[in-house]
Amino acid sequence: MHRPAWKVDSPAFREIEGLLKGRPHTMLAGHYHKYAYEARGGHDYIQLGTTGGIPGGAPDDPAVVDHVMWVSVAGGAPRVSNLKLDGFFGKQGPSPVAPAR
């Protein structure tokens, strides 16, 4: 989905979540141009970062990141990796601390 429906009070999305209850699922969305990760009921809900668009926050905010999300499936479960220009980060999002050089 483009807009992360779990970020607003949506009866339609609550219905979708109800239909998915007890089933494996991962939600991916964009729209806000700022990376965010949330675990809901044991499932990953991921809002993608800028991904080449207009930044959704201050330039020094680590959640404002141009990246490509690589999703693969192994053992019946999704595996999420994010590639940004200077390396990879996991599904919980980029670290606010720059790596030592």
C-alpha atoms as a PDB file:
ATOM      1  CA  MET A   1       0.000   0.000   0.000  1.00  0.00           C
ATOM      2  CA  HIS A   2       1.181   3.563  -0.526  1.00  0.00           C
ATOM      3  CA  ARG A   3      -0.145   5.259   2.615  1.00  0.00           C
ATOM      4  CA  PRO A   4       0.384   3.440   5.944  1.00  0.00           C
ATOM      5  CA  ALA A   5      -3.255   2.853   6.896  1.00  0.00           C
ATOM      6  CA  TRP A   6      -2.270   1.739  10.401  1.00  0.00           C
ATOM      7  CA  LYS A   7      -1.220   5.332  11.200  1.00  0.00           C
ATOM      8  CA  VAL A   8      -4.815   6.633  11.103  1.00  0.00           C
ATOM      9  CA  ASP A   9      -8.093   5.521  12.659  1.00  0.00           C
ATOM     10  CA  SER A  10      -9.498   3.506   9.758  1.00  0.00           C
ATOM     11  CA  PRO A  11     -12.459   1.135  10.110  1.00  0.00           C
ATOM     12  CA  ALA A  12     -11.540  -0.404   6.744  1.00  0.00           C
ATOM     13  CA  PHE A  13      -7.982  -1.137   7.885  1.00  0.00           C
ATOM     14  CA  ARG A  14      -9.218  -2.582  11.178  1.00  0.00           C
ATOM     15  CA  GLU A  15     -11.332  -4.933   9.067  1.00  0.00           C
ATOM     16  CA  ILE A  16      -8.255  -5.931   7.035  1.00  0.00           C
ATOM     17  CA  GLU A  17      -6.309  -6.593  10.245  1.00  0.00           C
ATOM     18  CA  GLY A  18      -9.225  -8.676  11.503  1.00  0.00           C
ATOM     19  CA  LEU A  19      -9.139 -10.777   8.341  1.00  0.00           C
ATOM     20  CA  LEU A  20      -5.383 -11.258   8.763  1.00  0.00           C
ATOM     21  CA  LYS A  21      -5.606 -12.188  12.455  1.00  0.00           C
ATOM     22  CA  GLY A  22      -3.826 -15.470  13.063  1.00  0.00           C
ATOM     23  CA  ARG A  23      -2.145 -15.357   9.647  1.00  0.00           C
ATOM     24  CA  PRO A  24       1.447 -14.382   8.969  1.00  0.00           C
ATOM     25  CA  HIS A  25       1.752 -10.946   7.395  1.00  0.00           C
ATOM     26  CA  THR A  26       4.033  -7.943   7.049  1.00  0.00           C
ATOM     27  CA  MET A  27       2.822  -4.450   6.147  1.00  0.00           C
ATOM     28  CA  LEU A  28       4.897  -2.142   3.941  1.00  0.00           C
ATOM     29  CA  ALA A  29       3.966   1.419   3.007  1.00  0.00           C
ATOM     30  CA  GLY A  30       5.460   4.793   2.188  1.00  0.00           C
ATOM     31  CA  HIS A  31       3.869   8.221   1.741  1.00  0.00           C
ATOM     32  CA  TYR A  32       5.409  10.119   4.690  1.00  0.00           C
ATOM     33  CA  HIS A  33       9.039   9.907   3.424  1.00  0.00           C
ATOM     34  CA  LYS A  34      10.378   9.024   6.875  1.00  0.00           C
ATOM     35  CA  TYR A  35      11.385   5.501   7.921  1.00  0.00           C
ATOM     36  CA  ALA A  36       9.411   3.992  10.783  1.00  0.00           C
ATOM     37  CA  TYR A  37       9.150   0.481  12.188  1.00  0.00           C
ATOM     38  CA  GLU A  38       6.453  -0.869  14.448  1.00  0.00           C
ATOM     39  CA  ALA A  39       5.719  -4.379  15.715  1.00  0.00           C
ATOM     40  CA  ARG A  40       1.971  -4.921  16.070  1.00  0.00           C
ATOM     41  CA  GLY A  41       0.645  -8.223  17.337  1.00  0.00           C
ATOM     42  CA  GLY A  42       3.935  -9.916  16.456  1.00  0.00           C
ATOM     43  CA  HIS A  43       3.947  -8.575  12.891  1.00  0.00           C
ATOM     44  CA  ASP A  44       6.215  -6.048  11.194  1.00  0.00           C
ATOM     45  CA  TYR A  45       4.683  -2.760  10.043  1.00  0.00           C
ATOM     46  CA  ILE A  46       7.243  -0.760   8.084  1.00  0.00           C
ATOM     47  CA  GLN A  47       6.930   2.739   6.652  1.00  0.00           C
ATOM     48  CA  LEU A  48       9.609   3.323   4.016  1.00  0.00           C
ATOM     49  CA  GLY A  49      11.862   6.364   4.031  1.00  0.00           C
ATOM     50  CA  THR A  50      12.301   9.034   1.395  1.00  0.00           C
ATOM     51  CA  THR A  51      13.306   6.581  -1.332  1.00  0.00           C
ATOM     52  CA  GLY A  52      14.274   9.424  -3.680  1.00  0.00           C
ATOM     53  CA  GLY A  53      11.379  11.788  -2.925  1.00  0.00           C
ATOM     54  CA  ILE A  54      11.189  15.017  -0.957  1.00  0.00           C
ATOM     55  CA  PRO A  55      12.568  14.451   2.594  1.00  0.00           C
ATOM     56  CA  GLY A  56       9.960  14.054   5.353  1.00  0.00           C
ATOM     57  CA  GLY A  57      11.939  15.743   8.113  1.00  0.00           C
ATOM     58  CA  ALA A  58      15.194  17.419   9.114  1.00  0.00           C
ATOM     59  CA  PRO A  59      18.289  16.376   7.130  1.00  0.00           C
ATOM     60  CA  ASP A  60      20.032  15.167  10.312  1.00  0.00           C
ATOM     61  CA  ASP A  61      17.095  12.896  11.286  1.00  0.00           C
ATOM     62  CA  PRO A  62      18.281   9.280  10.752  1.00  0.00           C
ATOM     63  CA  ALA A  63      14.740   8.262   9.727  1.00  0.00           C
ATOM     64  CA  VAL A  64      14.962  10.580   6.699  1.00  0.00           C
ATOM     65  CA  VAL A  65      16.872   8.202   4.470  1.00  0.00           C
ATOM     66  CA  ASP A  66      17.049   7.458   0.758  1.00  0.00           C
ATOM     67  CA  HIS A  67      17.042   3.687   0.482  1.00  0.00           C
ATOM     68  CA  VAL A  68      15.892   0.643  -1.414  1.00  0.00           C
ATOM     69  CA  MET A  69      14.097  -2.048   0.562  1.00  0.00           C
ATOM     70  CA  TRP A  70      15.032  -5.607  -0.361  1.00  0.00           C
ATOM     71  CA  VAL A  71      12.412  -8.149   0.689  1.00  0.00           C
ATOM     72  CA  SER A  72      13.018 -11.853   0.232  1.00  0.00           C
ATOM     73  CA  VAL A  73      11.261 -14.904   1.623  1.00  0.00           C
ATOM     74  CA  ALA A  74      13.112 -17.659   3.462  1.00  0.00           C
ATOM     75  CA  GLY A  75      11.480 -20.462   5.404  1.00  0.00           C
ATOM     76  CA  GLY A  76       8.053 -18.993   4.657  1.00  0.00           C
ATOM     77  CA  ALA A  77       8.850 -15.662   6.327  1.00  0.00           C
ATOM     78  CA  PRO A  78       9.867 -12.307   4.856  1.00  0.00           C
ATOM     79  CA  ARG A  79      13.412 -11.072   5.379  1.00  0.00           C
ATOM     80  CA  VAL A  80      13.820  -7.307   5.121  1.00  0.00           C
ATOM     81  CA  SER A  81      17.071  -5.479   4.376  1.00  0.00           C
ATOM     82  CA  ASN A  82      17.472  -1.832   3.494  1.00  0.00           C
ATOM     83  CA  LEU A  83      20.185  -0.517   1.221  1.00  0.00           C
ATOM     84  CA  LYS A  84      21.181   3.117   1.544  1.00  0.00           C
ATOM     85  CA  LEU A  85      24.029   4.812  -0.248  1.00  0.00           C
ATOM     86  CA  ASP A  86      26.526   4.063   2.506  1.00  0.00           C
ATOM     87  CA  GLY A  87      25.395   0.574   3.544  1.00  0.00           C
ATOM     88  CA  PHE A  88      22.632  -1.652   4.916  1.00  0.00           C
ATOM     89  CA  PHE A  89      20.324  -1.376   7.923  1.00  0.00           C
ATOM     90  CA  GLY A  90      17.797  -3.802   9.416  1.00  0.00           C
ATOM     91  CA  LYS A  91      14.015  -3.686   9.655  1.00  0.00           C
ATOM     92  CA  GLN A  92      14.047  -1.593  12.864  1.00  0.00           C
ATOM     93  CA  GLY A  93      15.465   1.367  10.902  1.00  0.00           C
ATOM     94  CA  PRO A  94      18.712   3.264  10.634  1.00  0.00           C
ATOM     95  CA  SER A  95      20.826   3.880  13.703  1.00  0.00           C
ATOM     96  CA  PRO A  96      21.098   7.495  14.883  1.00  0.00           C
ATOM     97  CA  VAL A  97      24.799   6.916  15.587  1.00  0.00           C
ATOM     98  CA  ALA A  98      27.155   7.091  12.617  1.00  0.00           C
ATOM     99  CA  PRO A  99      29.564   4.161  12.344  1.00  0.00           C
ATOM    100  CA  ALA A 100      33.181   4.827  13.339  1.00  0.00           C
ATOM    101  CA  ARG A 101      35.536   5.281  10.420  1.00  0.00           C
END
